[in-house]
Amino acid sequence: MEYKAVLEDPKELERLVYSARSCWEQFLIVDGSLENDTWGNTAAGCTLAIRTCWYRSLAVTLIRRLEVRIDGELIPQEDIFFQVEDNPHVYRLDEIGPEQSEEYWYLNKYGYLHLRKPGGLAKGPHMVEVFLEVFVTYHNYPDATYQKKILVVE
């Protein structure tokens, strides 16, 4: 089944985000965190830091959806990799499953999004959008957060 991006469907985005119980949307994207990643001497993509927008730490396996759009371009799911700060494990989104139930994204740690984007990003300002949906097991409902912010690559 083909993935249908929430960021491409404004009505669904509004339904998910405004029905959620989160109130920390303004803290999702970390200021000053957008930078290019290089492998060798080649810009292979970029990295962006986000915060969990739930009031408790979460098992990584509870991430249901994570979407990123930069300058209007939706980053394909297969090009998004997730890593918790200070954790050596990096997961492609479709690799996150029950095996990660013992790995936690603590409130005091950033989640790093490594985005594969050959050539990286040009220096200067970029419009970044992030949609994060987590499943809250003890409430039996998902919680969604969205933020749009201008970040600068230096």
N, C-alpha and C. Protein backbone atom coordinates (compact mmCIF):
# COMPACT_ATOMS: atom_id res chain seq x y z
N MET A 1 0.84 -1.17 0.00
CA MET A 1 0.00 0.00 0.00
C MET A 1 0.89 1.24 0.00
N GLU A 2 0.57 2.19 -0.84
CA GLU A 2 1.35 3.42 -0.95
C GLU A 2 1.05 4.34 0.24
N TYR A 3 2.10 4.97 0.73
CA TYR A 3 1.97 5.87 1.87
C TYR A 3 1.29 7.16 1.43
N LYS A 4 0.28 7.60 2.16
CA LYS A 4 -0.40 8.87 1.87
C LYS A 4 0.04 9.88 2.93
N ALA A 5 0.75 10.89 2.51
CA ALA A 5 1.31 11.89 3.43
C ALA A 5 0.23 12.81 3.98
N VAL A 6 0.22 12.98 5.27
CA VAL A 6 -0.71 13.90 5.94
C VAL A 6 -0.39 15.34 5.55
N LEU A 7 0.91 15.65 5.35
CA LEU A 7 1.28 17.02 4.98
C LEU A 7 0.74 17.42 3.61
N GLU A 8 0.33 16.45 2.81
CA GLU A 8 -0.25 16.74 1.49
C GLU A 8 -1.78 16.86 1.55
N ASP A 9 -2.36 16.66 2.72
CA ASP A 9 -3.82 16.69 2.88
C ASP A 9 -4.18 17.65 4.02
N PRO A 10 -4.37 18.94 3.71
CA PRO A 10 -4.61 19.94 4.75
C PRO A 10 -5.78 19.62 5.68
N LYS A 11 -6.85 19.04 5.16
CA LYS A 11 -8.00 18.72 6.01
C LYS A 11 -7.66 17.62 7.01
N GLU A 12 -6.94 16.60 6.57
CA GLU A 12 -6.54 15.52 7.47
C GLU A 12 -5.54 16.03 8.51
N LEU A 13 -4.61 16.89 8.08
CA LEU A 13 -3.65 17.48 9.01
C LEU A 13 -4.38 18.25 10.11
N GLU A 14 -5.32 19.07 9.71
CA GLU A 14 -6.09 19.86 10.68
C GLU A 14 -6.88 18.95 11.62
N ARG A 15 -7.50 17.91 11.06
CA ARG A 15 -8.28 16.99 11.89
C ARG A 15 -7.41 16.32 12.94
N LEU A 16 -6.25 15.83 12.55
CA LEU A 16 -5.36 15.13 13.47
C LEU A 16 -4.76 16.05 14.52
N VAL A 17 -4.27 17.20 14.09
CA VAL A 17 -3.57 18.09 15.01
C VAL A 17 -4.54 18.77 15.97
N TYR A 18 -5.65 19.24 15.48
CA TYR A 18 -6.56 19.99 16.34
C TYR A 18 -7.45 19.10 17.20
N SER A 19 -7.46 17.80 16.91
CA SER A 19 -8.18 16.89 17.80
C SER A 19 -7.25 16.30 18.85
N ALA A 20 -5.96 16.56 18.71
CA ALA A 20 -4.97 16.03 19.66
C ALA A 20 -5.00 16.83 20.96
N ARG A 21 -4.41 16.25 21.98
CA ARG A 21 -4.41 16.88 23.29
C ARG A 21 -3.09 17.58 23.60
N SER A 22 -2.19 17.59 22.66
CA SER A 22 -0.88 18.21 22.87
C SER A 22 -1.00 19.73 22.80
N CYS A 23 -0.19 20.42 23.57
CA CYS A 23 -0.21 21.88 23.51
C CYS A 23 1.21 22.44 23.40
N TRP A 24 2.14 21.59 22.97
CA TRP A 24 3.53 22.00 22.91
C TRP A 24 4.04 22.12 21.48
N GLU A 25 3.15 22.40 20.54
CA GLU A 25 3.53 22.44 19.13
C GLU A 25 4.68 23.39 18.87
N GLN A 26 4.71 24.51 19.57
CA GLN A 26 5.74 25.52 19.32
C GLN A 26 7.13 25.03 19.69
N PHE A 27 7.24 23.89 20.35
CA PHE A 27 8.54 23.36 20.76
C PHE A 27 9.00 22.17 19.92
N LEU A 28 8.21 21.75 18.93
CA LEU A 28 8.54 20.55 18.16
C LEU A 28 9.88 20.68 17.44
N ILE A 29 10.05 21.70 16.62
CA ILE A 29 11.28 21.89 15.85
C ILE A 29 12.27 22.70 16.68
N VAL A 30 13.49 22.21 16.80
CA VAL A 30 14.52 22.87 17.61
C VAL A 30 15.18 23.98 16.79
N ASP A 31 15.14 25.21 17.31
CA ASP A 31 15.77 26.35 16.64
C ASP A 31 17.25 26.08 16.38
N GLY A 32 17.73 26.50 15.22
CA GLY A 32 19.15 26.41 14.89
C GLY A 32 19.66 25.00 14.64
N SER A 33 18.77 24.03 14.47
CA SER A 33 19.22 22.64 14.36
C SER A 33 19.39 22.14 12.93
N LEU A 34 18.97 22.89 11.94
CA LEU A 34 19.06 22.42 10.55
C LEU A 34 20.48 22.61 10.03
N GLU A 35 21.10 21.51 9.63
CA GLU A 35 22.45 21.59 9.07
C GLU A 35 22.65 20.48 8.06
N ASN A 36 23.58 20.71 7.14
CA ASN A 36 23.88 19.71 6.13
C ASN A 36 24.70 18.57 6.71
N ASP A 37 24.46 17.37 6.22
CA ASP A 37 25.25 16.18 6.55
C ASP A 37 26.17 15.89 5.38
N THR A 38 27.39 15.56 5.67
CA THR A 38 28.31 15.18 4.60
C THR A 38 28.83 13.77 4.84
N TRP A 39 28.98 13.03 3.78
CA TRP A 39 29.61 11.72 3.80
C TRP A 39 30.84 11.86 2.92
N GLY A 40 32.00 11.84 3.55
CA GLY A 40 33.22 12.16 2.81
C GLY A 40 33.21 13.65 2.54
N ASN A 41 33.36 14.02 1.28
CA ASN A 41 33.32 15.44 0.89
C ASN A 41 32.02 15.81 0.20
N THR A 42 31.03 14.92 0.24
CA THR A 42 29.79 15.14 -0.48
C THR A 42 28.64 15.41 0.48
N ALA A 43 27.87 16.45 0.19
CA ALA A 43 26.67 16.72 0.98
C ALA A 43 25.63 15.67 0.61
N ALA A 44 25.27 14.84 1.59
CA ALA A 44 24.36 13.72 1.33
C ALA A 44 22.95 13.98 1.84
N GLY A 45 22.77 15.05 2.57
CA GLY A 45 21.46 15.35 3.12
C GLY A 45 21.57 16.38 4.23
N CYS A 46 20.62 16.34 5.14
CA CYS A 46 20.63 17.29 6.24
C CYS A 46 20.08 16.64 7.50
N THR A 47 20.32 17.28 8.62
CA THR A 47 19.84 16.81 9.91
C THR A 47 19.02 17.91 10.57
N LEU A 48 17.98 17.50 11.26
CA LEU A 48 17.07 18.40 11.93
C LEU A 48 16.75 17.79 13.30
N ALA A 49 16.74 18.60 14.34
CA ALA A 49 16.41 18.10 15.68
C ALA A 49 14.96 18.47 16.02
N ILE A 50 14.27 17.51 16.65
CA ILE A 50 12.91 17.75 17.12
C ILE A 50 12.80 17.29 18.58
N ARG A 51 11.73 17.74 19.22
CA ARG A 51 11.45 17.31 20.60
C ARG A 51 10.16 16.50 20.59
N THR A 52 10.07 15.57 21.53
CA THR A 52 8.79 14.90 21.71
C THR A 52 7.82 15.92 22.31
N CYS A 53 6.62 15.89 21.85
CA CYS A 53 5.62 16.86 22.32
C CYS A 53 4.56 16.20 23.17
N TRP A 54 4.99 15.22 23.91
CA TRP A 54 4.11 14.57 24.87
C TRP A 54 4.68 14.85 26.24
N TYR A 55 3.91 14.72 27.28
CA TYR A 55 4.38 15.08 28.61
C TYR A 55 5.18 13.97 29.29
N ARG A 56 5.32 12.83 28.63
CA ARG A 56 6.10 11.72 29.17
C ARG A 56 7.04 11.21 28.10
N SER A 57 8.07 10.50 28.55
CA SER A 57 8.98 9.87 27.60
C SER A 57 8.22 8.77 26.86
N LEU A 58 8.70 8.45 25.65
CA LEU A 58 8.01 7.49 24.80
C LEU A 58 8.97 6.40 24.33
N ALA A 59 8.46 5.19 24.20
CA ALA A 59 9.23 4.15 23.52
C ALA A 59 9.27 4.53 22.04
N VAL A 60 10.40 4.34 21.40
CA VAL A 60 10.55 4.69 19.99
C VAL A 60 9.49 4.01 19.14
N THR A 61 9.10 2.81 19.51
CA THR A 61 8.11 2.06 18.74
C THR A 61 6.74 2.74 18.68
N LEU A 62 6.50 3.74 19.55
CA LEU A 62 5.21 4.43 19.57
C LEU A 62 5.12 5.56 18.54
N ILE A 63 6.19 5.79 17.79
CA ILE A 63 6.12 6.78 16.70
C ILE A 63 5.29 6.15 15.58
N ARG A 64 4.15 6.76 15.29
CA ARG A 64 3.28 6.23 14.24
C ARG A 64 3.58 6.84 12.88
N ARG A 65 3.72 8.16 12.87
CA ARG A 65 4.01 8.86 11.61
C ARG A 65 4.93 10.02 11.89
N LEU A 66 5.83 10.24 10.95
CA LEU A 66 6.75 11.36 11.03
C LEU A 66 6.95 11.84 9.60
N GLU A 67 6.61 13.07 9.35
CA GLU A 67 6.73 13.63 8.00
C GLU A 67 7.48 14.95 8.05
N VAL A 68 8.23 15.22 6.99
CA VAL A 68 9.01 16.45 6.90
C VAL A 68 8.84 17.03 5.51
N ARG A 69 8.64 18.34 5.46
CA ARG A 69 8.62 19.06 4.19
C ARG A 69 9.56 20.24 4.34
N ILE A 70 10.44 20.42 3.36
CA ILE A 70 11.38 21.54 3.37
C ILE A 70 11.19 22.33 2.08
N ASP A 71 10.93 23.61 2.23
CA ASP A 71 10.70 24.51 1.09
C ASP A 71 9.65 23.94 0.14
N GLY A 72 8.60 23.37 0.71
CA GLY A 72 7.49 22.86 -0.09
C GLY A 72 7.70 21.46 -0.64
N GLU A 73 8.87 20.87 -0.45
CA GLU A 73 9.16 19.54 -0.97
C GLU A 73 9.03 18.50 0.15
N LEU A 74 8.10 17.56 -0.04
CA LEU A 74 7.89 16.49 0.93
C LEU A 74 9.05 15.50 0.83
N ILE A 75 9.68 15.21 1.95
CA ILE A 75 10.78 14.24 1.97
C ILE A 75 10.16 12.85 1.97
N PRO A 76 10.52 11.98 1.02
CA PRO A 76 9.95 10.62 0.99
C PRO A 76 10.25 9.86 2.28
N GLN A 77 9.31 9.03 2.69
CA GLN A 77 9.46 8.26 3.92
C GLN A 77 10.75 7.45 3.96
N GLU A 78 11.13 6.89 2.83
CA GLU A 78 12.35 6.06 2.80
C GLU A 78 13.63 6.89 2.94
N ASP A 79 13.51 8.21 2.90
CA ASP A 79 14.67 9.09 3.04
C ASP A 79 14.72 9.78 4.41
N ILE A 80 13.86 9.34 5.35
CA ILE A 80 13.85 9.90 6.70
C ILE A 80 14.36 8.84 7.67
N PHE A 81 15.36 9.20 8.46
CA PHE A 81 15.94 8.30 9.45
C PHE A 81 15.83 8.98 10.81
N PHE A 82 15.51 8.20 11.84
CA PHE A 82 15.29 8.74 13.18
C PHE A 82 16.33 8.21 14.15
N GLN A 83 16.82 9.10 15.02
CA GLN A 83 17.81 8.73 16.03
C GLN A 83 17.54 9.55 17.29
N VAL A 84 17.56 8.89 18.44
CA VAL A 84 17.44 9.60 19.71
C VAL A 84 18.83 10.08 20.10
N GLU A 85 18.92 11.30 20.59
CA GLU A 85 20.19 11.87 21.04
C GLU A 85 20.91 10.91 21.99
N ASP A 86 22.22 10.76 21.79
CA ASP A 86 23.09 9.89 22.60
C ASP A 86 22.82 8.40 22.39
N ASN A 87 22.03 8.04 21.40
CA ASN A 87 21.78 6.64 21.09
C ASN A 87 22.43 6.34 19.74
N PRO A 88 23.25 5.29 19.64
CA PRO A 88 23.94 5.03 18.37
C PRO A 88 23.02 4.48 17.28
N HIS A 89 21.83 4.02 17.63
CA HIS A 89 20.95 3.40 16.64
C HIS A 89 20.23 4.46 15.79
N VAL A 90 20.27 4.26 14.49
CA VAL A 90 19.57 5.13 13.54
C VAL A 90 18.62 4.23 12.76
N TYR A 91 17.35 4.62 12.71
CA TYR A 91 16.34 3.79 12.06
C TYR A 91 15.67 4.52 10.91
N ARG A 92 15.52 3.82 9.79
CA ARG A 92 14.63 4.30 8.75
C ARG A 92 13.22 4.16 9.34
N LEU A 93 12.30 5.02 9.00
CA LEU A 93 10.99 5.01 9.64
C LEU A 93 10.30 3.65 9.55
N ASP A 94 10.43 2.98 8.40
CA ASP A 94 9.76 1.68 8.26
C ASP A 94 10.46 0.56 9.04
N GLU A 95 11.60 0.85 9.64
CA GLU A 95 12.30 -0.13 10.48
C GLU A 95 11.87 -0.05 11.94
N ILE A 96 11.15 0.99 12.30
CA ILE A 96 10.71 1.13 13.69
C ILE A 96 9.56 0.16 13.93
N GLY A 97 9.75 -0.70 14.92
CA GLY A 97 8.73 -1.72 15.21
C GLY A 97 8.86 -2.19 16.64
N PRO A 98 8.29 -3.35 16.94
CA PRO A 98 8.30 -3.88 18.31
C PRO A 98 9.69 -4.03 18.91
N GLU A 99 10.70 -4.22 18.07
CA GLU A 99 12.06 -4.39 18.57
C GLU A 99 12.57 -3.14 19.30
N GLN A 100 11.98 -1.99 19.02
CA GLN A 100 12.42 -0.74 19.65
C GLN A 100 11.58 -0.39 20.88
N SER A 101 10.83 -1.34 21.41
CA SER A 101 9.97 -1.05 22.56
C SER A 101 10.78 -0.78 23.84
N GLU A 102 12.04 -1.17 23.86
CA GLU A 102 12.90 -0.92 25.02
C GLU A 102 13.77 0.33 24.85
N GLU A 103 13.68 0.97 23.70
CA GLU A 103 14.45 2.20 23.45
C GLU A 103 13.53 3.39 23.65
N TYR A 104 13.94 4.30 24.52
CA TYR A 104 13.08 5.42 24.88
C TYR A 104 13.59 6.75 24.36
N TRP A 105 12.63 7.58 23.98
CA TRP A 105 12.89 8.97 23.61
C TRP A 105 12.50 9.78 24.85
N TYR A 106 13.50 10.12 25.63
CA TYR A 106 13.27 10.84 26.89
C TYR A 106 13.02 12.32 26.63
N LEU A 107 12.30 12.94 27.54
CA LEU A 107 11.93 14.35 27.39
C LEU A 107 13.13 15.27 27.26
N ASN A 108 14.24 14.92 27.88
CA ASN A 108 15.42 15.78 27.84
C ASN A 108 16.35 15.46 26.67
N LYS A 109 15.91 14.65 25.74
CA LYS A 109 16.72 14.28 24.57
C LYS A 109 16.04 14.72 23.29
N TYR A 110 16.85 15.14 22.34
CA TYR A 110 16.32 15.47 21.02
C TYR A 110 16.13 14.19 20.22
N GLY A 111 15.23 14.26 19.28
CA GLY A 111 15.12 13.24 18.25
C GLY A 111 15.75 13.85 17.01
N TYR A 112 16.71 13.16 16.42
CA TYR A 112 17.36 13.68 15.21
C TYR A 112 16.74 13.04 13.99
N LEU A 113 16.37 13.88 13.03
CA LEU A 113 15.88 13.41 11.75
C LEU A 113 16.99 13.59 10.74
N HIS A 114 17.52 12.48 10.27
CA HIS A 114 18.54 12.50 9.23
C HIS A 114 17.80 12.33 7.91
N LEU A 115 17.89 13.34 7.06
CA LEU A 115 17.13 13.36 5.82
C LEU A 115 18.08 13.17 4.64
N ARG A 116 17.83 12.14 3.86
CA ARG A 116 18.66 11.90 2.67
C ARG A 116 18.19 12.88 1.59
N LYS A 117 19.10 13.73 1.17
CA LYS A 117 18.80 14.75 0.16
C LYS A 117 20.11 15.07 -0.54
N PRO A 118 20.42 14.34 -1.63
CA PRO A 118 21.70 14.54 -2.32
C PRO A 118 21.97 16.02 -2.61
N GLY A 119 23.17 16.45 -2.27
CA GLY A 119 23.55 17.84 -2.46
C GLY A 119 23.25 18.70 -1.24
N GLY A 120 22.44 18.18 -0.31
CA GLY A 120 22.11 18.93 0.89
C GLY A 120 21.22 20.13 0.59
N LEU A 121 21.28 21.11 1.45
CA LEU A 121 20.49 22.33 1.31
C LEU A 121 21.41 23.52 1.08
N ALA A 122 20.92 24.49 0.32
CA ALA A 122 21.68 25.72 0.10
C ALA A 122 21.77 26.50 1.41
N LYS A 123 22.83 27.26 1.57
CA LYS A 123 22.95 28.12 2.75
C LYS A 123 21.84 29.16 2.71
N GLY A 124 21.36 29.50 3.89
CA GLY A 124 20.30 30.49 3.97
C GLY A 124 19.05 29.92 4.61
N PRO A 125 17.95 30.70 4.56
CA PRO A 125 16.71 30.29 5.23
C PRO A 125 15.94 29.23 4.45
N HIS A 126 15.27 28.35 5.20
CA HIS A 126 14.44 27.30 4.62
C HIS A 126 13.18 27.15 5.46
N MET A 127 12.04 26.98 4.79
CA MET A 127 10.78 26.73 5.48
C MET A 127 10.70 25.23 5.77
N VAL A 128 10.63 24.89 7.05
CA VAL A 128 10.61 23.49 7.48
C VAL A 128 9.27 23.19 8.14
N GLU A 129 8.65 22.09 7.74
CA GLU A 129 7.41 21.63 8.35
C GLU A 129 7.62 20.21 8.86
N VAL A 130 7.16 19.94 10.07
CA VAL A 130 7.26 18.60 10.64
C VAL A 130 5.90 18.21 11.21
N PHE A 131 5.50 16.99 10.89
CA PHE A 131 4.29 16.39 11.46
C PHE A 131 4.73 15.15 12.22
N LEU A 132 4.35 15.05 13.48
CA LEU A 132 4.70 13.90 14.33
C LEU A 132 3.43 13.36 14.96
N GLU A 133 3.21 12.07 14.79
CA GLU A 133 2.08 11.41 15.44
C GLU A 133 2.62 10.24 16.25
N VAL A 134 2.26 10.20 17.52
CA VAL A 134 2.67 9.10 18.40
C VAL A 134 1.40 8.43 18.94
N PHE A 135 1.53 7.15 19.25
CA PHE A 135 0.41 6.42 19.82
C PHE A 135 0.58 6.36 21.33
N VAL A 136 -0.41 6.86 22.04
CA VAL A 136 -0.35 6.90 23.49
C VAL A 136 -1.08 5.65 24.00
N THR A 137 -0.31 4.65 24.40
CA THR A 137 -0.89 3.33 24.70
C THR A 137 -1.90 3.35 25.83
N TYR A 138 -1.65 4.09 26.87
CA TYR A 138 -2.55 4.04 28.02
C TYR A 138 -3.80 4.88 27.82
N HIS A 139 -3.84 5.68 26.75
CA HIS A 139 -5.05 6.43 26.42
C HIS A 139 -5.77 5.83 25.23
N ASN A 140 -5.07 4.98 24.49
CA ASN A 140 -5.62 4.31 23.32
C ASN A 140 -6.05 5.29 22.22
N TYR A 141 -5.29 6.35 22.06
CA TYR A 141 -5.51 7.27 20.94
C TYR A 141 -4.17 7.86 20.51
N PRO A 142 -4.07 8.28 19.27
CA PRO A 142 -2.84 8.92 18.83
C PRO A 142 -2.82 10.39 19.21
N ASP A 143 -1.64 10.95 19.29
CA ASP A 143 -1.47 12.37 19.55
C ASP A 143 -0.62 12.94 18.42
N ALA A 144 -1.10 13.99 17.79
CA ALA A 144 -0.41 14.55 16.63
C ALA A 144 0.04 15.97 16.90
N THR A 145 1.19 16.32 16.36
CA THR A 145 1.77 17.65 16.52
C THR A 145 2.32 18.10 15.17
N TYR A 146 2.15 19.37 14.87
CA TYR A 146 2.64 19.94 13.61
C TYR A 146 3.25 21.30 13.90
N GLN A 147 4.38 21.57 13.25
CA GLN A 147 4.96 22.90 13.34
C GLN A 147 5.60 23.27 12.01
N LYS A 148 5.49 24.54 11.70
CA LYS A 148 6.10 25.11 10.49
C LYS A 148 7.00 26.24 10.98
N LYS A 149 8.26 26.22 10.56
CA LYS A 149 9.22 27.19 11.09
C LYS A 149 10.31 27.47 10.05
N ILE A 150 10.82 28.68 10.05
CA ILE A 150 11.96 29.02 9.19
C ILE A 150 13.24 28.75 9.97
N LEU A 151 14.11 27.93 9.37
CA LEU A 151 15.43 27.64 9.95
C LEU A 151 16.49 28.02 8.93
N VAL A 152 17.67 28.33 9.41
CA VAL A 152 18.75 28.79 8.53
C VAL A 152 19.89 27.78 8.53
N VAL A 153 20.35 27.44 7.32
CA VAL A 153 21.56 26.62 7.16
C VAL A 153 22.71 27.59 7.01
N GLU A 154 23.73 27.44 7.86
CA GLU A 154 24.87 28.36 7.81
C GLU A 154 26.04 27.76 7.09
